[in-house]
Amino acid sequence: MLIADKWTDYECIDASGGEKLERWGDIILCRPDPQVIWDRRGAPEKWGTADARYKRSSSGGGEWSYRSRLPESWRVRYGGLTFNIKPMGFKHTGLFPEQAVNWDWMRERLKDRRGAKVLNLFAYTGGASVACAAEGAAVTHVDASKGMTAWAKENAAASGVGGIRFFVDDCIKLVEREIRRGSRYDGIIMDPPSYGRGPGGEVWKLEDSLFSFVERAALLLSDDPLFFVLNSYTTGLQPGVLKNIMSLTLPEGRITADEIGLPITSSGLALPCGATGRWLNA
């Protein structure tokens, strides 16, 4: 497992009984996590310190309950980058801290290729976009949500980086347009949801769409590409599946696939947070 263990502004304090207790800067949040099926608290005294807790409803969805008044948003920092954190209606905060292992890896690849072109698909609030832009990459950031794209612009401004083109668009349609235009990218990042809808109501279902989409996106790689990163948060989609997809669709190169996770301070265990596949030009 690849562990995001270089954070100072984020910490997974404990995890038990379907929940994780996290520190985001100075603020403690308790959120549900389907991977936490064990029921033993490593730091029982800490759980009462949560400033806010997200509780799922039996009828679907859920809501936050607050022990203390929280700011509307606040900032956390990682490796010279700055991100705005905002608790949202469906338990999310706008950042997946385990992805720091990929940010570091991509920044290392880009270090000697300033001006490299990077395409970030399903780019959310722009963690990967900001990380790549910080190394001088020219980033094309694509997400179907206007709100998430606006948030990504906030993160870019907070981190003091430029060189990012933002598009609110259906990722599949944009890739097809870029193929027709003859566009090429030195790096491609793909962070697809399990299920989603594009701005025009287009339906995305991961298991049905992923293989063909990676196959099409691979046509956008330049003649001397650096990397292709494919992430999945779908429970049950193993790293080996990502590796197989990449092996069948991408040019010859070096492919690795693994779980990604976060260290749990109280127990020394690692919390699984999804899978990532990485292709590197051999």
C-alpha atoms as a PDB file:
ATOM      1  CA  MET A   1       0.000   0.000   0.000  1.00  0.00           C
ATOM      2  CA  LEU A   2       1.171   3.523  -0.820  1.00  0.00           C
ATOM      3  CA  ILE A   3       0.805   5.592   2.351  1.00  0.00           C
ATOM      4  CA  ALA A   4       0.338   9.384   2.404  1.00  0.00           C
ATOM      5  CA  ASP A   5       2.442   9.901   5.524  1.00  0.00           C
ATOM      6  CA  LYS A   6       4.002  13.327   4.895  1.00  0.00           C
ATOM      7  CA  TRP A   7       1.094  15.471   6.080  1.00  0.00           C
ATOM      8  CA  THR A   8       1.372  17.897   8.971  1.00  0.00           C
ATOM      9  CA  ASP A   9      -1.966  19.727   8.487  1.00  0.00           C
ATOM     10  CA  TYR A  10      -3.978  16.507   8.170  1.00  0.00           C
ATOM     11  CA  GLU A  11      -4.136  13.452  10.463  1.00  0.00           C
ATOM     12  CA  CYS A  12      -6.342  10.372  10.677  1.00  0.00           C
ATOM     13  CA  ILE A  13      -6.426  10.200  14.468  1.00  0.00           C
ATOM     14  CA  ASP A  14      -8.460   7.001  14.816  1.00  0.00           C
ATOM     15  CA  ALA A  15     -10.863   4.744  12.917  1.00  0.00           C
ATOM     16  CA  SER A  16     -13.497   2.379  14.311  1.00  0.00           C
ATOM     17  CA  GLY A  17     -17.112   1.274  13.870  1.00  0.00           C
ATOM     18  CA  GLY A  18     -17.582   2.650  10.380  1.00  0.00           C
ATOM     19  CA  GLU A  19     -16.148   6.084  11.175  1.00  0.00           C
ATOM     20  CA  LYS A  20     -12.841   7.914  11.003  1.00  0.00           C
ATOM     21  CA  LEU A  21     -11.719  10.731  13.292  1.00  0.00           C
ATOM     22  CA  GLU A  22      -9.641  13.296  11.427  1.00  0.00           C
ATOM     23  CA  ARG A  23      -7.762  16.508  12.099  1.00  0.00           C
ATOM     24  CA  TRP A  24      -7.909  19.066   9.311  1.00  0.00           C
ATOM     25  CA  GLY A  25      -5.612  21.832  10.487  1.00  0.00           C
ATOM     26  CA  ASP A  26      -6.934  22.660  13.960  1.00  0.00           C
ATOM     27  CA  ILE A  27     -10.428  21.288  13.341  1.00  0.00           C
ATOM     28  CA  ILE A  28     -11.493  17.728  14.225  1.00  0.00           C
ATOM     29  CA  LEU A  29     -14.112  16.005  12.052  1.00  0.00           C
ATOM     30  CA  CYS A  30     -15.765  12.599  12.366  1.00  0.00           C
ATOM     31  CA  ARG A  31     -16.943  11.080   9.075  1.00  0.00           C
ATOM     32  CA  PRO A  32     -18.304   7.692   7.974  1.00  0.00           C
ATOM     33  CA  ASP A  33     -16.008   5.355   6.064  1.00  0.00           C
ATOM     34  CA  PRO A  34     -17.247   2.063   4.562  1.00  0.00           C
ATOM     35  CA  GLN A  35     -13.787   0.480   4.831  1.00  0.00           C
ATOM     36  CA  VAL A  36     -13.757   0.743   8.631  1.00  0.00           C
ATOM     37  CA  ILE A  37     -15.572  -2.490   9.455  1.00  0.00           C
ATOM     38  CA  TRP A  38     -13.551  -3.165  12.628  1.00  0.00           C
ATOM     39  CA  ASP A  39     -14.839  -1.972  16.000  1.00  0.00           C
ATOM     40  CA  ARG A  40     -11.999  -1.140  18.328  1.00  0.00           C
ATOM     41  CA  ARG A  41     -11.015   2.413  19.162  1.00  0.00           C
ATOM     42  CA  GLY A  42      -7.328   3.053  19.619  1.00  0.00           C
ATOM     43  CA  ALA A  43      -7.903   6.419  21.288  1.00  0.00           C
ATOM     44  CA  PRO A  44     -11.402   6.372  22.854  1.00  0.00           C
ATOM     45  CA  GLU A  45     -10.769   9.616  24.726  1.00  0.00           C
ATOM     46  CA  LYS A  46     -10.319  11.517  21.448  1.00  0.00           C
ATOM     47  CA  TRP A  47     -13.720  10.853  19.887  1.00  0.00           C
ATOM     48  CA  GLY A  48     -15.552  13.358  22.069  1.00  0.00           C
ATOM     49  CA  THR A  49     -13.303  16.144  20.796  1.00  0.00           C
ATOM     50  CA  ALA A  50     -14.802  16.212  17.283  1.00  0.00           C
ATOM     51  CA  ASP A  51     -15.951  19.694  16.293  1.00  0.00           C
ATOM     52  CA  ALA A  52     -18.408  18.194  13.791  1.00  0.00           C
ATOM     53  CA  ARG A  53     -19.749  14.738  12.948  1.00  0.00           C
ATOM     54  CA  TYR A  54     -21.440  13.577   9.766  1.00  0.00           C
ATOM     55  CA  LYS A  55     -24.225  11.088  10.389  1.00  0.00           C
ATOM     56  CA  ARG A  56     -25.889   9.118   7.627  1.00  0.00           C
ATOM     57  CA  SER A  57     -29.693   8.967   7.537  1.00  0.00           C
ATOM     58  CA  SER A  58     -31.549   5.653   7.292  1.00  0.00           C
ATOM     59  CA  SER A  59     -33.576   7.205   4.474  1.00  0.00           C
ATOM     60  CA  GLY A  60     -30.464   8.184   2.496  1.00  0.00           C
ATOM     61  CA  GLY A  61     -28.035  11.082   2.624  1.00  0.00           C
ATOM     62  CA  GLY A  62     -27.162  12.536   5.993  1.00  0.00           C
ATOM     63  CA  GLU A  63     -26.163  15.735   7.760  1.00  0.00           C
ATOM     64  CA  TRP A  64     -23.501  17.361   9.899  1.00  0.00           C
ATOM     65  CA  SER A  65     -23.976  17.960  13.608  1.00  0.00           C
ATOM     66  CA  TYR A  66     -21.747  20.512  15.311  1.00  0.00           C
ATOM     67  CA  ARG A  67     -20.207  20.603  18.773  1.00  0.00           C
ATOM     68  CA  SER A  68     -18.726  24.012  18.080  1.00  0.00           C
ATOM     69  CA  ARG A  69     -19.183  26.682  15.433  1.00  0.00           C
ATOM     70  CA  LEU A  70     -16.947  26.083  12.402  1.00  0.00           C
ATOM     71  CA  PRO A  71     -15.724  28.621   9.868  1.00  0.00           C
ATOM     72  CA  GLU A  72     -17.372  28.356   6.466  1.00  0.00           C
ATOM     73  CA  SER A  73     -13.984  27.264   5.126  1.00  0.00           C
ATOM     74  CA  TRP A  74     -10.404  27.004   6.301  1.00  0.00           C
ATOM     75  CA  ARG A  75      -7.048  26.072   4.820  1.00  0.00           C
ATOM     76  CA  VAL A  76      -4.606  23.192   5.041  1.00  0.00           C
ATOM     77  CA  ARG A  77      -1.164  23.047   3.502  1.00  0.00           C
ATOM     78  CA  TYR A  78       0.921  20.310   1.945  1.00  0.00           C
ATOM     79  CA  GLY A  79       4.307  20.561   0.261  1.00  0.00           C
ATOM     80  CA  GLY A  80       3.983  24.268  -0.480  1.00  0.00           C
ATOM     81  CA  LEU A  81       0.387  23.858  -1.709  1.00  0.00           C
ATOM     82  CA  THR A  82      -2.680  25.358  -0.023  1.00  0.00           C
ATOM     83  CA  PHE A  83      -6.209  23.941  -0.124  1.00  0.00           C
ATOM     84  CA  ASN A  84      -9.550  25.298   1.060  1.00  0.00           C
ATOM     85  CA  ILE A  85     -11.548  22.859   3.211  1.00  0.00           C
ATOM     86  CA  LYS A  86     -15.351  23.078   3.364  1.00  0.00           C
ATOM     87  CA  PRO A  87     -17.611  20.386   4.893  1.00  0.00           C
ATOM     88  CA  MET A  88     -20.196  19.534   2.227  1.00  0.00           C
ATOM     89  CA  GLY A  89     -23.637  17.961   2.229  1.00  0.00           C
ATOM     90  CA  PHE A  90     -22.425  14.458   1.399  1.00  0.00           C
ATOM     91  CA  LYS A  91     -19.680  14.080   4.046  1.00  0.00           C
ATOM     92  CA  HIS A  92     -16.893  15.363   1.781  1.00  0.00           C
ATOM     93  CA  THR A  93     -14.442  18.165   2.588  1.00  0.00           C
ATOM     94  CA  GLY A  94     -13.169  18.955  -0.908  1.00  0.00           C
ATOM     95  CA  LEU A  95      -9.891  17.063  -0.607  1.00  0.00           C
ATOM     96  CA  PHE A  96      -8.738  13.449  -0.664  1.00  0.00           C
ATOM     97  CA  PRO A  97      -5.560  13.597   1.462  1.00  0.00           C
ATOM     98  CA  GLU A  98      -4.386  10.114   0.427  1.00  0.00           C
ATOM     99  CA  GLN A  99      -3.837  11.493  -3.079  1.00  0.00           C
ATOM    100  CA  ALA A 100      -0.763  13.301  -1.771  1.00  0.00           C
ATOM    101  CA  VAL A 101       1.230  10.173  -2.700  1.00  0.00           C
ATOM    102  CA  ASN A 102       0.306  10.786  -6.333  1.00  0.00           C
ATOM    103  CA  TRP A 103       0.909  14.527  -6.145  1.00  0.00           C
ATOM    104  CA  ASP A 104       4.467  13.861  -4.951  1.00  0.00           C
ATOM    105  CA  TRP A 105       5.054  11.209  -7.614  1.00  0.00           C
ATOM    106  CA  MET A 106       3.817  13.414 -10.463  1.00  0.00           C
ATOM    107  CA  ARG A 107       5.779  16.425  -9.256  1.00  0.00           C
ATOM    108  CA  GLU A 108       8.941  14.340  -9.297  1.00  0.00           C
ATOM    109  CA  ARG A 109       8.237  13.276 -12.914  1.00  0.00           C
ATOM    110  CA  LEU A 110       7.608  16.893 -13.953  1.00  0.00           C
ATOM    111  CA  LYS A 111      10.637  18.385 -12.221  1.00  0.00           C
ATOM    112  CA  ASP A 112      12.823  18.297 -15.359  1.00  0.00           C
ATOM    113  CA  ARG A 113      10.034  18.967 -17.880  1.00  0.00           C
ATOM    114  CA  ARG A 114       8.792  22.496 -17.196  1.00  0.00           C
ATOM    115  CA  GLY A 115       6.003  23.387 -19.594  1.00  0.00           C
ATOM    116  CA  ALA A 116       4.871  19.773 -19.961  1.00  0.00           C
ATOM    117  CA  LYS A 117       1.185  19.508 -20.873  1.00  0.00           C
ATOM    118  CA  VAL A 118      -1.020  17.669 -18.358  1.00  0.00           C
ATOM    119  CA  LEU A 119      -4.676  16.710 -18.732  1.00  0.00           C
ATOM    120  CA  ASN A 120      -6.591  16.215 -15.465  1.00  0.00           C
ATOM    121  CA  LEU A 121      -9.962  14.503 -16.004  1.00  0.00           C
ATOM    122  CA  PHE A 122     -12.698  14.372 -13.341  1.00  0.00           C
ATOM    123  CA  ALA A 123     -10.455  16.927 -11.664  1.00  0.00           C
ATOM    124  CA  TYR A 124     -12.730  17.813  -8.709  1.00  0.00           C
ATOM    125  CA  THR A 125     -11.273  20.662  -6.596  1.00  0.00           C
ATOM    126  CA  GLY A 126      -7.912  20.511  -8.319  1.00  0.00           C
ATOM    127  CA  GLY A 127      -5.471  18.864  -5.920  1.00  0.00           C
ATOM    128  CA  ALA A 128      -3.578  17.186  -8.761  1.00  0.00           C
ATOM    129  CA  SER A 129      -3.947  20.218 -11.039  1.00  0.00           C
ATOM    130  CA  VAL A 130      -2.377  22.520  -8.461  1.00  0.00           C
ATOM    131  CA  ALA A 131       0.410  20.036  -7.686  1.00  0.00           C
ATOM    132  CA  CYS A 132       1.370  19.697 -11.362  1.00  0.00           C
ATOM    133  CA  ALA A 133       1.120  23.449 -12.001  1.00  0.00           C
ATOM    134  CA  ALA A 134       3.452  24.043  -9.060  1.00  0.00           C
ATOM    135  CA  GLU A 135       6.157  22.231 -11.083  1.00  0.00           C
ATOM    136  CA  GLY A 136       5.574  24.451 -14.102  1.00  0.00           C
ATOM    137  CA  ALA A 137       3.197  22.177 -16.042  1.00  0.00           C
ATOM    138  CA  ALA A 138       0.538  23.582 -18.363  1.00  0.00           C
ATOM    139  CA  VAL A 139      -2.571  21.925 -16.947  1.00  0.00           C
ATOM    140  CA  THR A 140      -5.959  21.385 -18.562  1.00  0.00           C
ATOM    141  CA  HIS A 141      -8.431  20.845 -15.700  1.00  0.00           C
ATOM    142  CA  VAL A 142     -11.780  19.253 -16.618  1.00  0.00           C
ATOM    143  CA  ASP A 143     -14.789  18.615 -14.367  1.00  0.00           C
ATOM    144  CA  ALA A 144     -18.533  18.553 -15.000  1.00  0.00           C
ATOM    145  CA  SER A 145     -19.362  20.564 -11.859  1.00  0.00           C
ATOM    146  CA  LYS A 146     -19.291  24.362 -11.932  1.00  0.00           C
ATOM    147  CA  GLY A 147     -19.058  24.460  -8.142  1.00  0.00           C
ATOM    148  CA  MET A 148     -16.075  22.117  -7.941  1.00  0.00           C
ATOM    149  CA  THR A 149     -14.326  23.991 -10.743  1.00  0.00           C
ATOM    150  CA  ALA A 150     -14.810  27.294  -8.911  1.00  0.00           C
ATOM    151  CA  TRP A 151     -13.360  25.649  -5.803  1.00  0.00           C
ATOM    152  CA  ALA A 152     -10.364  24.430  -7.841  1.00  0.00           C
ATOM    153  CA  LYS A 153      -9.740  28.011  -8.971  1.00  0.00           C
ATOM    154  CA  GLU A 154      -9.751  29.057  -5.302  1.00  0.00           C
ATOM    155  CA  ASN A 155      -7.152  26.387  -4.506  1.00  0.00           C
ATOM    156  CA  ALA A 156      -4.947  27.483  -7.403  1.00  0.00           C
ATOM    157  CA  ALA A 157      -5.104  31.090  -6.212  1.00  0.00           C
ATOM    158  CA  ALA A 158      -4.413  30.084  -2.596  1.00  0.00           C
ATOM    159  CA  SER A 159      -1.371  28.075  -3.743  1.00  0.00           C
ATOM    160  CA  GLY A 160      -0.139  30.927  -5.935  1.00  0.00           C
ATOM    161  CA  VAL A 161       0.043  28.842  -9.116  1.00  0.00           C
ATOM    162  CA  GLY A 162      -0.959  29.696 -12.663  1.00  0.00           C
ATOM    163  CA  GLY A 163      -0.860  27.841 -15.931  1.00  0.00           C
ATOM    164  CA  ILE A 164      -4.181  26.017 -15.463  1.00  0.00           C
ATOM    165  CA  ARG A 165      -6.990  26.074 -18.032  1.00  0.00           C
ATOM    166  CA  PHE A 166     -10.331  25.263 -16.406  1.00  0.00           C
ATOM    167  CA  PHE A 167     -13.161  23.582 -18.309  1.00  0.00           C
ATOM    168  CA  VAL A 168     -16.641  22.743 -17.021  1.00  0.00           C
ATOM    169  CA  ASP A 169     -17.412  19.912 -19.379  1.00  0.00           C
ATOM    170  CA  ASP A 170     -18.235  16.248 -19.801  1.00  0.00           C
ATOM    171  CA  CYS A 171     -14.859  14.492 -19.757  1.00  0.00           C
ATOM    172  CA  ILE A 172     -15.763  11.956 -22.450  1.00  0.00           C
ATOM    173  CA  LYS A 173     -16.917  14.667 -24.855  1.00  0.00           C
ATOM    174  CA  LEU A 174     -13.845  16.787 -24.199  1.00  0.00           C
ATOM    175  CA  VAL A 175     -11.500  13.857 -24.854  1.00  0.00           C
ATOM    176  CA  GLU A 176     -13.226  13.170 -28.179  1.00  0.00           C
ATOM    177  CA  ARG A 177     -12.886  16.825 -29.181  1.00  0.00           C
ATOM    178  CA  GLU A 178      -9.212  16.827 -28.234  1.00  0.00           C
ATOM    179  CA  ILE A 179      -8.636  13.683 -30.335  1.00  0.00           C
ATOM    180  CA  ARG A 180     -10.247  15.374 -33.354  1.00  0.00           C
ATOM    181  CA  ARG A 181      -8.119  18.479 -32.815  1.00  0.00           C
ATOM    182  CA  GLY A 182      -4.919  16.441 -32.666  1.00  0.00           C
ATOM    183  CA  SER A 183      -4.109  17.636 -29.140  1.00  0.00           C
ATOM    184  CA  ARG A 184      -1.415  15.796 -27.221  1.00  0.00           C
ATOM    185  CA  TYR A 185      -0.487  15.656 -23.526  1.00  0.00           C
ATOM    186  CA  ASP A 186       2.653  14.585 -21.700  1.00  0.00           C
ATOM    187  CA  GLY A 187       0.704  13.480 -18.639  1.00  0.00           C
ATOM    188  CA  ILE A 188      -2.880  12.337 -18.108  1.00  0.00           C
ATOM    189  CA  ILE A 189      -4.645  11.994 -14.750  1.00  0.00           C
ATOM    190  CA  MET A 190      -7.994  10.268 -14.461  1.00  0.00           C
ATOM    191  CA  ASP A 191      -9.934  10.249 -11.185  1.00  0.00           C
ATOM    192  CA  PRO A 192     -13.371   8.969 -12.240  1.00  0.00           C
ATOM    193  CA  PRO A 193     -16.364   8.620  -9.911  1.00  0.00           C
ATOM    194  CA  SER A 194     -18.222   5.350  -9.506  1.00  0.00           C
ATOM    195  CA  TYR A 195     -21.316   7.015 -10.912  1.00  0.00           C
ATOM    196  CA  GLY A 196     -22.015  10.481 -12.165  1.00  0.00           C
ATOM    197  CA  ARG A 197     -23.747  12.764 -14.630  1.00  0.00           C
ATOM    198  CA  GLY A 198     -22.262  15.280 -17.006  1.00  0.00           C
ATOM    199  CA  PRO A 199     -23.512  18.881 -17.328  1.00  0.00           C
ATOM    200  CA  GLY A 200     -25.938  17.742 -20.050  1.00  0.00           C
ATOM    201  CA  GLY A 201     -27.246  14.781 -18.077  1.00  0.00           C
ATOM    202  CA  GLU A 202     -24.747  12.295 -19.539  1.00  0.00           C
ATOM    203  CA  VAL A 203     -24.527   9.160 -17.399  1.00  0.00           C
ATOM    204  CA  TRP A 204     -21.188   7.741 -16.283  1.00  0.00           C
ATOM    205  CA  LYS A 205     -21.010   4.293 -14.673  1.00  0.00           C
ATOM    206  CA  LEU A 206     -17.461   3.215 -13.905  1.00  0.00           C
ATOM    207  CA  GLU A 207     -17.660  -0.504 -14.677  1.00  0.00           C
ATOM    208  CA  ASP A 208     -19.374   0.114 -18.013  1.00  0.00           C
ATOM    209  CA  SER A 209     -17.316   3.075 -19.202  1.00  0.00           C
ATOM    210  CA  LEU A 210     -13.793   2.919 -17.801  1.00  0.00           C
ATOM    211  CA  PHE A 211     -12.021   0.556 -20.216  1.00  0.00           C
ATOM    212  CA  SER A 212     -13.192   2.270 -23.397  1.00  0.00           C
ATOM    213  CA  PHE A 213     -12.537   5.713 -21.936  1.00  0.00           C
ATOM    214  CA  VAL A 214      -8.942   4.917 -20.949  1.00  0.00           C
ATOM    215  CA  GLU A 215      -8.467   3.469 -24.434  1.00  0.00           C
ATOM    216  CA  ARG A 216      -9.644   6.731 -26.020  1.00  0.00           C
ATOM    217  CA  ALA A 217      -7.712   8.984 -23.634  1.00  0.00           C
ATOM    218  CA  ALA A 218      -4.515   7.059 -24.418  1.00  0.00           C
ATOM    219  CA  LEU A 219      -4.692   8.481 -27.957  1.00  0.00           C
ATOM    220  CA  LEU A 220      -3.925  11.896 -26.454  1.00  0.00           C
ATOM    221  CA  LEU A 221      -0.492  10.913 -25.120  1.00  0.00           C
ATOM    222  CA  SER A 222       2.393  12.770 -26.736  1.00  0.00           C
ATOM    223  CA  ASP A 223       5.307  11.123 -28.541  1.00  0.00           C
ATOM    224  CA  ASP A 224       7.412  11.406 -25.380  1.00  0.00           C
ATOM    225  CA  PRO A 225       4.888  11.131 -22.531  1.00  0.00           C
ATOM    226  CA  LEU A 226       5.736  11.180 -18.838  1.00  0.00           C
ATOM    227  CA  PHE A 227       2.871   9.459 -17.019  1.00  0.00           C
ATOM    228  CA  PHE A 228      -0.709   8.259 -16.910  1.00  0.00           C
ATOM    229  CA  VAL A 229      -2.398   8.015 -13.493  1.00  0.00           C
ATOM    230  CA  LEU A 230      -5.702   6.180 -13.012  1.00  0.00           C
ATOM    231  CA  ASN A 231      -7.497   6.282  -9.654  1.00  0.00           C
ATOM    232  CA  SER A 232     -10.527   4.436  -8.330  1.00  0.00           C
ATOM    233  CA  TYR A 233     -12.558   4.789  -5.143  1.00  0.00           C
ATOM    234  CA  THR A 234     -15.041   2.080  -6.088  1.00  0.00           C
ATOM    235  CA  THR A 235     -15.146  -0.550  -3.344  1.00  0.00           C
ATOM    236  CA  GLY A 236     -14.212  -3.916  -4.789  1.00  0.00           C
ATOM    237  CA  LEU A 237     -12.328  -2.608  -7.835  1.00  0.00           C
ATOM    238  CA  GLN A 238      -8.907  -4.107  -7.177  1.00  0.00           C
ATOM    239  CA  PRO A 239      -5.567  -2.512  -8.140  1.00  0.00           C
ATOM    240  CA  GLY A 240      -5.002  -5.481 -10.446  1.00  0.00           C
ATOM    241  CA  VAL A 241      -8.059  -4.448 -12.467  1.00  0.00           C
ATOM    242  CA  LEU A 242      -6.565  -0.996 -13.042  1.00  0.00           C
ATOM    243  CA  LYS A 243      -3.264  -2.584 -14.041  1.00  0.00           C
ATOM    244  CA  ASN A 244      -4.991  -4.866 -16.544  1.00  0.00           C
ATOM    245  CA  ILE A 245      -6.914  -1.972 -18.092  1.00  0.00           C
ATOM    246  CA  MET A 246      -3.740   0.101 -18.434  1.00  0.00           C
ATOM    247  CA  SER A 247      -1.765  -2.841 -19.827  1.00  0.00           C
ATOM    248  CA  LEU A 248      -4.348  -3.342 -22.573  1.00  0.00           C
ATOM    249  CA  THR A 249      -4.813   0.318 -23.530  1.00  0.00           C
ATOM    250  CA  LEU A 250      -1.574   2.252 -22.969  1.00  0.00           C
ATOM    251  CA  PRO A 251       1.708   2.142 -24.907  1.00  0.00           C
ATOM    252  CA  GLU A 252       4.518  -0.105 -23.745  1.00  0.00           C
ATOM    253  CA  GLY A 253       5.898   1.176 -20.468  1.00  0.00           C
ATOM    254  CA  ARG A 254       6.180   0.416 -16.772  1.00  0.00           C
ATOM    255  CA  ILE A 255       2.867  -0.066 -14.950  1.00  0.00           C
ATOM    256  CA  THR A 256       2.352  -0.362 -11.212  1.00  0.00           C
ATOM    257  CA  ALA A 257      -0.927  -0.584  -9.306  1.00  0.00           C
ATOM    258  CA  ASP A 258      -1.544  -0.547  -5.581  1.00  0.00           C
ATOM    259  CA  GLU A 259      -3.882   0.452  -2.813  1.00  0.00           C
ATOM    260  CA  ILE A 260      -3.436   3.939  -1.427  1.00  0.00           C
ATOM    261  CA  GLY A 261      -4.080   4.806   2.187  1.00  0.00           C
ATOM    262  CA  LEU A 262      -3.565   6.954   5.257  1.00  0.00           C
ATOM    263  CA  PRO A 263      -1.748   6.177   8.492  1.00  0.00           C
ATOM    264  CA  ILE A 264      -3.968   5.882  11.579  1.00  0.00           C
ATOM    265  CA  THR A 265      -2.141   7.581  14.432  1.00  0.00           C
ATOM    266  CA  SER A 266      -3.767   5.739  17.351  1.00  0.00           C
ATOM    267  CA  SER A 267      -3.186   2.195  16.106  1.00  0.00           C
ATOM    268  CA  GLY A 268      -0.329   2.392  13.636  1.00  0.00           C
ATOM    269  CA  LEU A 269      -2.594   0.713  11.073  1.00  0.00           C
ATOM    270  CA  ALA A 270      -3.223   1.970   7.538  1.00  0.00           C
ATOM    271  CA  LEU A 271      -6.670   2.993   6.338  1.00  0.00           C
ATOM    272  CA  PRO A 272      -7.353   1.812   2.750  1.00  0.00           C
ATOM    273  CA  CYS A 273      -8.646   4.670   0.616  1.00  0.00           C
ATOM    274  CA  GLY A 274      -8.920   3.265  -2.901  1.00  0.00           C
ATOM    275  CA  ALA A 275      -6.576   2.140  -5.629  1.00  0.00           C
ATOM    276  CA  THR A 276      -4.211   3.821  -8.052  1.00  0.00           C
ATOM    277  CA  GLY A 277      -2.551   2.697 -11.246  1.00  0.00           C
ATOM    278  CA  ARG A 278       0.530   4.440 -12.631  1.00  0.00           C
ATOM    279  CA  TRP A 279       2.001   4.167 -16.113  1.00  0.00           C
ATOM    280  CA  LEU A 280       5.501   5.470 -16.667  1.00  0.00           C
ATOM    281  CA  ASN A 281       7.215   5.779 -20.032  1.00  0.00           C
ATOM    282  CA  ALA A 282       9.901   3.062 -20.027  1.00  0.00           C
END
